[in-house]
Amino acid sequence: MYPSVNVFAVILLPLLVSPSLAAQEPAPAQPNALELLTKADAYRNFKGKSFTFDLTLNSMEPEKDDKIFTLNVEILNPHTSLVIYDQPTSERGKALLMSENNLWFHSPHSRKPIRITPQQRLLGEASNGDVASTDFSGDYMPSYLGADAIDDVAYHKLELVAKPDSLATYSKLHLWIRSDNHKPYKADFFANTGKLLKTAFYQRYEKLPYLGDKEQLTAILIVNPLSEGKQTLMEYADFQVAELSSSRFTTSGLRRLR
């Protein structure tokens, strides 16, 4: 004779076991926020290398003439940069020096550089810090907010909070990064109060054939959310990886600028 079998036990056993097995399955790993931010930053700088570029700022406002500045920018490292005004002629010779936790402004007509804040506006919607810094991961601590979709394109959304004692321009920002290639798409910048200050759209990327076809961010549009039509276009050109002397990135070096 065959041993007796409890038919109901055989039927119920998988039903009782399956939920337990499902509960033991690990949840999908959340993307590493710092890795995502580092990949996004790679479109804005040349990690580990000093470099230079030209920058044009075009401030636009309804029923007003555009205001245009051209600047020459030198980046020694993520926390050290020099911005030299070129045009208009009335601004030529002025400069910004970002050195570690200090930002200095130099004018040919002043006796010595003065300390300023990254939040002060340089032109239109662009602040000093928007121009002097090209590295989010050096100034902010990122956390992952989740996946998002805009116009059927998948994005990672990060929250960036300023590191203590850093020269970060904003206390907090939200950054959208494309899921497929990690290009920054847009960022919302917030004040300490939580008020939205501005939105930046990372509009254009170009391959640099003279630098191994590296793809680089070359245009950012900064929009004022409280004033329709008030915006500033930042256009980057002539990127060059170069050895730069650290002596240029000092307050005494500022006084030697011509």
C-alpha atoms as a PDB file:
ATOM      1  CA  MET A   1       0.000   0.000   0.000  1.00  0.00           C
ATOM      2  CA  TYR A   2       1.062   3.547  -0.661  1.00  0.00           C
ATOM      3  CA  PRO A   3       1.538   5.880   2.360  1.00  0.00           C
ATOM      4  CA  SER A   4      -1.389   8.165   3.026  1.00  0.00           C
ATOM      5  CA  VAL A   5      -1.042  11.743   1.777  1.00  0.00           C
ATOM      6  CA  ASN A   6      -2.772  14.796   3.175  1.00  0.00           C
ATOM      7  CA  VAL A   7      -3.987  16.371  -0.055  1.00  0.00           C
ATOM      8  CA  PHE A   8      -4.913  19.683   1.570  1.00  0.00           C
ATOM      9  CA  ALA A   9      -1.429  20.012   3.078  1.00  0.00           C
ATOM     10  CA  VAL A  10       0.177  19.494  -0.330  1.00  0.00           C
ATOM     11  CA  ILE A  11      -2.014  22.194  -1.864  1.00  0.00           C
ATOM     12  CA  LEU A  12      -1.590  24.692   0.941  1.00  0.00           C
ATOM     13  CA  LEU A  13       2.156  24.262   1.441  1.00  0.00           C
ATOM     14  CA  PRO A  14       3.248  26.358  -1.604  1.00  0.00           C
ATOM     15  CA  LEU A  15       0.767  29.057  -0.631  1.00  0.00           C
ATOM     16  CA  LEU A  16       2.228  29.227   2.845  1.00  0.00           C
ATOM     17  CA  VAL A  17       5.861  29.100   1.723  1.00  0.00           C
ATOM     18  CA  SER A  18       5.737  31.498  -1.264  1.00  0.00           C
ATOM     19  CA  PRO A  19       5.046  34.737   0.704  1.00  0.00           C
ATOM     20  CA  SER A  20       7.921  33.875   3.015  1.00  0.00           C
ATOM     21  CA  LEU A  21      10.287  33.365   0.086  1.00  0.00           C
ATOM     22  CA  ALA A  22       9.126  36.598  -1.537  1.00  0.00           C
ATOM     23  CA  ALA A  23       9.762  38.517   1.653  1.00  0.00           C
ATOM     24  CA  GLN A  24      13.348  37.266   1.640  1.00  0.00           C
ATOM     25  CA  GLU A  25      14.077  38.609  -1.859  1.00  0.00           C
ATOM     26  CA  PRO A  26      16.353  41.682  -1.589  1.00  0.00           C
ATOM     27  CA  ALA A  27      14.937  45.012  -2.714  1.00  0.00           C
ATOM     28  CA  PRO A  28      16.506  46.531  -5.842  1.00  0.00           C
ATOM     29  CA  ALA A  29      19.659  48.441  -4.978  1.00  0.00           C
ATOM     30  CA  GLN A  30      19.226  52.206  -4.915  1.00  0.00           C
ATOM     31  CA  PRO A  31      21.606  54.038  -7.282  1.00  0.00           C
ATOM     32  CA  ASN A  32      24.693  55.532  -5.646  1.00  0.00           C
ATOM     33  CA  ALA A  33      24.087  59.293  -5.563  1.00  0.00           C
ATOM     34  CA  LEU A  34      27.773  60.258  -5.407  1.00  0.00           C
ATOM     35  CA  GLU A  35      28.645  58.048  -8.374  1.00  0.00           C
ATOM     36  CA  LEU A  36      25.827  59.605 -10.404  1.00  0.00           C
ATOM     37  CA  LEU A  37      26.930  63.122  -9.483  1.00  0.00           C
ATOM     38  CA  THR A  38      30.570  62.400 -10.339  1.00  0.00           C
ATOM     39  CA  LYS A  39      29.542  61.113 -13.777  1.00  0.00           C
ATOM     40  CA  ALA A  40      27.417  64.232 -14.337  1.00  0.00           C
ATOM     41  CA  ASP A  41      30.286  66.501 -13.263  1.00  0.00           C
ATOM     42  CA  ALA A  42      32.513  64.886 -15.899  1.00  0.00           C
ATOM     43  CA  TYR A  43      30.589  66.862 -18.535  1.00  0.00           C
ATOM     44  CA  ARG A  44      31.481  70.128 -16.766  1.00  0.00           C
ATOM     45  CA  ASN A  45      35.179  69.679 -16.014  1.00  0.00           C
ATOM     46  CA  PHE A  46      38.318  67.646 -16.640  1.00  0.00           C
ATOM     47  CA  LYS A  47      38.627  65.731 -13.372  1.00  0.00           C
ATOM     48  CA  GLY A  48      42.149  65.834 -11.973  1.00  0.00           C
ATOM     49  CA  LYS A  49      43.411  68.232 -14.655  1.00  0.00           C
ATOM     50  CA  SER A  50      43.709  72.000 -14.792  1.00  0.00           C
ATOM     51  CA  PHE A  51      42.004  73.658 -17.752  1.00  0.00           C
ATOM     52  CA  THR A  52      40.881  76.949 -19.285  1.00  0.00           C
ATOM     53  CA  PHE A  53      37.898  78.157 -21.304  1.00  0.00           C
ATOM     54  CA  ASP A  54      36.178  81.279 -22.581  1.00  0.00           C
ATOM     55  CA  LEU A  55      32.745  82.141 -21.230  1.00  0.00           C
ATOM     56  CA  THR A  56      30.108  84.475 -22.655  1.00  0.00           C
ATOM     57  CA  LEU A  57      27.263  85.659 -20.420  1.00  0.00           C
ATOM     58  CA  ASN A  58      24.193  87.088 -22.147  1.00  0.00           C
ATOM     59  CA  SER A  59      21.636  88.619 -19.763  1.00  0.00           C
ATOM     60  CA  MET A  60      18.202  88.976 -21.373  1.00  0.00           C
ATOM     61  CA  GLU A  61      15.187  90.838 -20.052  1.00  0.00           C
ATOM     62  CA  PRO A  62      11.930  91.833 -21.804  1.00  0.00           C
ATOM     63  CA  GLU A  63      11.982  95.322 -23.368  1.00  0.00           C
ATOM     64  CA  LYS A  64      15.643  95.846 -22.453  1.00  0.00           C
ATOM     65  CA  ASP A  65      18.856  95.548 -24.442  1.00  0.00           C
ATOM     66  CA  ASP A  66      20.896  92.421 -23.819  1.00  0.00           C
ATOM     67  CA  LYS A  67      23.904  92.782 -21.530  1.00  0.00           C
ATOM     68  CA  ILE A  68      26.889  90.709 -22.623  1.00  0.00           C
ATOM     69  CA  PHE A  69      30.086  89.902 -20.731  1.00  0.00           C
ATOM     70  CA  THR A  70      32.998  87.792 -21.997  1.00  0.00           C
ATOM     71  CA  LEU A  71      35.309  86.184 -19.488  1.00  0.00           C
ATOM     72  CA  ASN A  72      38.486  84.102 -19.522  1.00  0.00           C
ATOM     73  CA  VAL A  73      38.366  81.329 -16.934  1.00  0.00           C
ATOM     74  CA  GLU A  74      41.205  79.244 -15.510  1.00  0.00           C
ATOM     75  CA  ILE A  75      40.488  76.215 -13.305  1.00  0.00           C
ATOM     76  CA  LEU A  76      43.398  74.904 -11.245  1.00  0.00           C
ATOM     77  CA  ASN A  77      41.308  72.384  -9.278  1.00  0.00           C
ATOM     78  CA  PRO A  78      37.700  72.061  -8.020  1.00  0.00           C
ATOM     79  CA  HIS A  79      38.307  74.631  -5.271  1.00  0.00           C
ATOM     80  CA  THR A  80      40.652  77.050  -7.054  1.00  0.00           C
ATOM     81  CA  SER A  81      39.761  79.159 -10.092  1.00  0.00           C
ATOM     82  CA  LEU A  82      40.429  82.526 -11.689  1.00  0.00           C
ATOM     83  CA  VAL A  83      37.897  84.490 -13.744  1.00  0.00           C
ATOM     84  CA  ILE A  84      39.235  87.464 -15.722  1.00  0.00           C
ATOM     85  CA  TYR A  85      36.849  89.975 -17.307  1.00  0.00           C
ATOM     86  CA  ASP A  86      37.527  90.716 -20.988  1.00  0.00           C
ATOM     87  CA  GLN A  87      34.453  92.533 -22.356  1.00  0.00           C
ATOM     88  CA  PRO A  88      32.922  95.064 -22.179  1.00  0.00           C
ATOM     89  CA  THR A  89      35.967  97.310 -22.159  1.00  0.00           C
ATOM     90  CA  SER A  90      34.694  99.111 -19.063  1.00  0.00           C
ATOM     91  CA  GLU A  91      35.002  95.840 -17.090  1.00  0.00           C
ATOM     92  CA  ARG A  92      38.347  94.705 -18.479  1.00  0.00           C
ATOM     93  CA  GLY A  93      40.953  93.875 -15.883  1.00  0.00           C
ATOM     94  CA  LYS A  94      38.503  92.929 -13.160  1.00  0.00           C
ATOM     95  CA  ALA A  95      38.807  89.409 -11.784  1.00  0.00           C
ATOM     96  CA  LEU A  96      37.371  86.820  -9.405  1.00  0.00           C
ATOM     97  CA  LEU A  97      39.588  84.439  -7.478  1.00  0.00           C
ATOM     98  CA  MET A  98      38.126  81.361  -5.815  1.00  0.00           C
ATOM     99  CA  SER A  99      40.646  79.890  -3.408  1.00  0.00           C
ATOM    100  CA  GLU A 100      39.506  77.104  -1.075  1.00  0.00           C
ATOM    101  CA  ASN A 101      36.884  78.740   1.190  1.00  0.00           C
ATOM    102  CA  ASN A 102      37.360  82.320  -0.032  1.00  0.00           C
ATOM    103  CA  LEU A 103      36.160  84.267  -3.039  1.00  0.00           C
ATOM    104  CA  TRP A 104      37.957  87.509  -3.882  1.00  0.00           C
ATOM    105  CA  PHE A 105      37.109  90.351  -6.278  1.00  0.00           C
ATOM    106  CA  HIS A 106      39.852  92.447  -7.847  1.00  0.00           C
ATOM    107  CA  SER A 107      39.506  95.737  -9.689  1.00  0.00           C
ATOM    108  CA  PRO A 108      42.394  97.604 -11.353  1.00  0.00           C
ATOM    109  CA  HIS A 109      41.154 100.717  -9.526  1.00  0.00           C
ATOM    110  CA  SER A 110      41.257  99.197  -6.027  1.00  0.00           C
ATOM    111  CA  ARG A 111      44.297  98.964  -3.777  1.00  0.00           C
ATOM    112  CA  LYS A 112      43.664  95.370  -2.752  1.00  0.00           C
ATOM    113  CA  PRO A 113      41.207  92.552  -3.482  1.00  0.00           C
ATOM    114  CA  ILE A 114      38.010  92.424  -1.450  1.00  0.00           C
ATOM    115  CA  ARG A 115      36.278  89.311  -0.165  1.00  0.00           C
ATOM    116  CA  ILE A 116      32.836  88.642  -1.634  1.00  0.00           C
ATOM    117  CA  THR A 117      30.250  85.844  -1.559  1.00  0.00           C
ATOM    118  CA  PRO A 118      29.471  83.285  -4.281  1.00  0.00           C
ATOM    119  CA  GLN A 119      25.790  84.282  -4.073  1.00  0.00           C
ATOM    120  CA  GLN A 120      26.387  87.840  -5.329  1.00  0.00           C
ATOM    121  CA  ARG A 121      25.235  88.342  -8.892  1.00  0.00           C
ATOM    122  CA  LEU A 122      27.845  88.769 -11.563  1.00  0.00           C
ATOM    123  CA  LEU A 123      25.455  89.461 -14.444  1.00  0.00           C
ATOM    124  CA  GLY A 124      21.732  88.872 -14.782  1.00  0.00           C
ATOM    125  CA  GLU A 125      20.774  85.527 -13.245  1.00  0.00           C
ATOM    126  CA  ALA A 126      24.385  84.288 -13.083  1.00  0.00           C
ATOM    127  CA  SER A 127      26.082  84.601  -9.715  1.00  0.00           C
ATOM    128  CA  ASN A 128      29.804  84.663  -8.963  1.00  0.00           C
ATOM    129  CA  GLY A 129      29.676  81.032  -7.884  1.00  0.00           C
ATOM    130  CA  ASP A 130      27.923  79.916 -11.078  1.00  0.00           C
ATOM    131  CA  VAL A 131      30.952  81.106 -13.024  1.00  0.00           C
ATOM    132  CA  ALA A 132      33.812  80.310 -10.636  1.00  0.00           C
ATOM    133  CA  SER A 133      32.831  76.704  -9.819  1.00  0.00           C
ATOM    134  CA  THR A 134      32.480  73.773 -12.229  1.00  0.00           C
ATOM    135  CA  ASP A 135      32.251  70.968  -9.680  1.00  0.00           C
ATOM    136  CA  PHE A 136      29.105  70.013  -7.758  1.00  0.00           C
ATOM    137  CA  SER A 137      30.606  66.932  -6.108  1.00  0.00           C
ATOM    138  CA  GLY A 138      33.296  69.023  -4.412  1.00  0.00           C
ATOM    139  CA  ASP A 139      30.821  71.422  -2.773  1.00  0.00           C
ATOM    140  CA  TYR A 140      27.699  69.365  -2.075  1.00  0.00           C
ATOM    141  CA  MET A 141      26.603  66.128  -0.401  1.00  0.00           C
ATOM    142  CA  PRO A 142      24.181  64.274  -2.717  1.00  0.00           C
ATOM    143  CA  SER A 143      21.286  62.004  -1.859  1.00  0.00           C
ATOM    144  CA  TYR A 144      19.023  60.041  -4.189  1.00  0.00           C
ATOM    145  CA  LEU A 145      15.422  61.288  -4.399  1.00  0.00           C
ATOM    146  CA  GLY A 146      14.178  58.776  -6.965  1.00  0.00           C
ATOM    147  CA  ALA A 147      13.514  58.143 -10.623  1.00  0.00           C
ATOM    148  CA  ASP A 148      11.654  60.692 -12.720  1.00  0.00           C
ATOM    149  CA  ALA A 149      10.432  61.005 -16.297  1.00  0.00           C
ATOM    150  CA  ILE A 150      10.215  64.205 -18.351  1.00  0.00           C
ATOM    151  CA  ASP A 151       8.868  64.074 -21.921  1.00  0.00           C
ATOM    152  CA  ASP A 152       9.281  60.263 -21.920  1.00  0.00           C
ATOM    153  CA  VAL A 153      12.969  60.507 -20.968  1.00  0.00           C
ATOM    154  CA  ALA A 154      14.129  58.735 -17.785  1.00  0.00           C
ATOM    155  CA  TYR A 155      16.089  60.705 -15.195  1.00  0.00           C
ATOM    156  CA  HIS A 156      17.672  60.264 -11.787  1.00  0.00           C
ATOM    157  CA  LYS A 157      16.737  63.059  -9.379  1.00  0.00           C
ATOM    158  CA  LEU A 158      19.283  64.046  -6.737  1.00  0.00           C
ATOM    159  CA  GLU A 159      19.185  66.468  -3.832  1.00  0.00           C
ATOM    160  CA  LEU A 160      22.456  68.293  -3.182  1.00  0.00           C
ATOM    161  CA  VAL A 161      23.066  69.917   0.202  1.00  0.00           C
ATOM    162  CA  ALA A 162      26.026  72.242   0.748  1.00  0.00           C
ATOM    163  CA  LYS A 163      28.923  70.714   2.663  1.00  0.00           C
ATOM    164  CA  PRO A 164      29.778  72.406   5.962  1.00  0.00           C
ATOM    165  CA  ASP A 165      32.378  75.177   5.537  1.00  0.00           C
ATOM    166  CA  SER A 166      32.374  74.800   1.742  1.00  0.00           C
ATOM    167  CA  LEU A 167      32.167  77.684  -0.716  1.00  0.00           C
ATOM    168  CA  ALA A 168      28.939  76.283  -2.175  1.00  0.00           C
ATOM    169  CA  THR A 169      26.842  78.932  -3.885  1.00  0.00           C
ATOM    170  CA  TYR A 170      23.483  77.530  -2.748  1.00  0.00           C
ATOM    171  CA  SER A 171      22.328  75.795   0.411  1.00  0.00           C
ATOM    172  CA  LYS A 172      20.428  73.165  -1.579  1.00  0.00           C
ATOM    173  CA  LEU A 173      19.611  72.196  -5.145  1.00  0.00           C
ATOM    174  CA  HIS A 174      17.756  69.469  -7.009  1.00  0.00           C
ATOM    175  CA  LEU A 175      19.512  68.013 -10.039  1.00  0.00           C
ATOM    176  CA  TRP A 176      18.026  65.858 -12.819  1.00  0.00           C
ATOM    177  CA  ILE A 177      20.515  63.529 -14.558  1.00  0.00           C
ATOM    178  CA  ARG A 178      19.672  61.444 -17.613  1.00  0.00           C
ATOM    179  CA  SER A 179      19.554  57.743 -16.793  1.00  0.00           C
ATOM    180  CA  ASP A 180      21.118  56.601 -20.069  1.00  0.00           C
ATOM    181  CA  ASN A 181      24.207  58.830 -20.346  1.00  0.00           C
ATOM    182  CA  HIS A 182      24.332  60.759 -17.022  1.00  0.00           C
ATOM    183  CA  LYS A 183      24.150  64.189 -18.651  1.00  0.00           C
ATOM    184  CA  PRO A 184      22.757  66.909 -16.380  1.00  0.00           C
ATOM    185  CA  TYR A 185      19.376  68.066 -17.685  1.00  0.00           C
ATOM    186  CA  LYS A 186      18.238  70.752 -15.253  1.00  0.00           C
ATOM    187  CA  ALA A 187      18.691  72.017 -11.702  1.00  0.00           C
ATOM    188  CA  ASP A 188      16.503  73.928  -9.250  1.00  0.00           C
ATOM    189  CA  PHE A 189      18.453  76.144  -6.825  1.00  0.00           C
ATOM    190  CA  PHE A 190      17.044  77.015  -3.391  1.00  0.00           C
ATOM    191  CA  ALA A 191      17.710  79.648  -0.720  1.00  0.00           C
ATOM    192  CA  ASN A 192      18.162  78.808   2.966  1.00  0.00           C
ATOM    193  CA  THR A 193      14.430  79.464   3.437  1.00  0.00           C
ATOM    194  CA  GLY A 194      13.530  76.845   0.834  1.00  0.00           C
ATOM    195  CA  LYS A 195      12.488  79.460  -1.728  1.00  0.00           C
ATOM    196  CA  LEU A 196      13.221  78.574  -5.353  1.00  0.00           C
ATOM    197  CA  LEU A 197      15.797  81.087  -6.612  1.00  0.00           C
ATOM    198  CA  LYS A 198      16.403  79.971 -10.187  1.00  0.00           C
ATOM    199  CA  THR A 199      16.305  77.045 -12.591  1.00  0.00           C
ATOM    200  CA  ALA A 200      19.185  76.098 -14.879  1.00  0.00           C
ATOM    201  CA  PHE A 201      18.710  74.103 -18.079  1.00  0.00           C
ATOM    202  CA  TYR A 202      21.808  72.329 -19.403  1.00  0.00           C
ATOM    203  CA  GLN A 203      21.081  72.901 -23.050  1.00  0.00           C
ATOM    204  CA  ARG A 204      23.986  71.944 -25.272  1.00  0.00           C
ATOM    205  CA  TYR A 205      26.780  69.380 -25.333  1.00  0.00           C
ATOM    206  CA  GLU A 206      29.575  69.226 -27.900  1.00  0.00           C
ATOM    207  CA  LYS A 207      32.357  66.771 -28.637  1.00  0.00           C
ATOM    208  CA  LEU A 208      35.847  68.273 -28.506  1.00  0.00           C
ATOM    209  CA  PRO A 209      37.815  66.585 -31.330  1.00  0.00           C
ATOM    210  CA  TYR A 210      41.096  68.160 -30.201  1.00  0.00           C
ATOM    211  CA  LEU A 211      40.612  66.589 -26.730  1.00  0.00           C
ATOM    212  CA  GLY A 212      39.890  63.018 -27.724  1.00  0.00           C
ATOM    213  CA  ASP A 213      36.217  63.672 -28.609  1.00  0.00           C
ATOM    214  CA  LYS A 214      35.362  64.315 -24.978  1.00  0.00           C
ATOM    215  CA  GLU A 215      31.743  65.451 -24.728  1.00  0.00           C
ATOM    216  CA  GLN A 216      31.479  68.748 -22.859  1.00  0.00           C
ATOM    217  CA  LEU A 217      28.643  70.937 -21.623  1.00  0.00           C
ATOM    218  CA  THR A 218      28.766  74.175 -23.648  1.00  0.00           C
ATOM    219  CA  ALA A 219      25.531  76.059 -22.858  1.00  0.00           C
ATOM    220  CA  ILE A 220      23.460  76.672 -19.727  1.00  0.00           C
ATOM    221  CA  LEU A 221      20.269  78.748 -19.628  1.00  0.00           C
ATOM    222  CA  ILE A 222      19.427  80.188 -16.190  1.00  0.00           C
ATOM    223  CA  VAL A 223      15.806  81.256 -15.748  1.00  0.00           C
ATOM    224  CA  ASN A 224      14.266  83.491 -13.071  1.00  0.00           C
ATOM    225  CA  PRO A 225      11.086  81.703 -11.877  1.00  0.00           C
ATOM    226  CA  LEU A 226       9.572  84.922 -10.512  1.00  0.00           C
ATOM    227  CA  SER A 227      10.100  87.145 -13.554  1.00  0.00           C
ATOM    228  CA  GLU A 228       8.933  85.816 -16.918  1.00  0.00           C
ATOM    229  CA  GLY A 229      11.465  86.304 -19.702  1.00  0.00           C
ATOM    230  CA  LYS A 230      14.331  87.213 -17.382  1.00  0.00           C
ATOM    231  CA  GLN A 231      17.141  84.803 -18.158  1.00  0.00           C
ATOM    232  CA  THR A 232      20.882  84.486 -18.679  1.00  0.00           C
ATOM    233  CA  LEU A 233      22.634  82.300 -21.227  1.00  0.00           C
ATOM    234  CA  MET A 234      26.097  80.987 -20.346  1.00  0.00           C
ATOM    235  CA  GLU A 235      28.072  79.770 -23.388  1.00  0.00           C
ATOM    236  CA  TYR A 236      31.415  77.993 -23.048  1.00  0.00           C
ATOM    237  CA  ALA A 237      34.083  77.792 -25.770  1.00  0.00           C
ATOM    238  CA  ASP A 238      37.743  76.995 -26.477  1.00  0.00           C
ATOM    239  CA  PHE A 239      38.354  74.469 -23.711  1.00  0.00           C
ATOM    240  CA  GLN A 240      42.032  73.722 -23.204  1.00  0.00           C
ATOM    241  CA  VAL A 241      43.696  71.312 -20.796  1.00  0.00           C
ATOM    242  CA  ALA A 242      46.798  73.140 -19.609  1.00  0.00           C
ATOM    243  CA  GLU A 243      49.427  73.221 -16.889  1.00  0.00           C
ATOM    244  CA  LEU A 244      48.676  76.279 -14.758  1.00  0.00           C
ATOM    245  CA  SER A 245      50.979  77.924 -12.246  1.00  0.00           C
ATOM    246  CA  SER A 246      49.578  77.995  -8.713  1.00  0.00           C
ATOM    247  CA  SER A 247      51.175  81.451  -8.266  1.00  0.00           C
ATOM    248  CA  ARG A 248      48.385  82.930 -10.436  1.00  0.00           C
ATOM    249  CA  PHE A 249      45.764  81.795  -7.945  1.00  0.00           C
ATOM    250  CA  THR A 250      46.719  84.040  -5.021  1.00  0.00           C
ATOM    251  CA  THR A 251      45.619  87.498  -3.891  1.00  0.00           C
ATOM    252  CA  SER A 252      49.114  88.799  -4.637  1.00  0.00           C
ATOM    253  CA  GLY A 253      48.800  87.291  -8.106  1.00  0.00           C
ATOM    254  CA  LEU A 254      45.577  89.250  -8.606  1.00  0.00           C
ATOM    255  CA  ARG A 255      47.458  92.505  -8.112  1.00  0.00           C
ATOM    256  CA  ARG A 256      49.835  91.535 -10.903  1.00  0.00           C
ATOM    257  CA  LEU A 257      47.053  91.012 -13.440  1.00  0.00           C
ATOM    258  CA  ARG A 258      47.024  93.359 -16.387  1.00  0.00           C
END
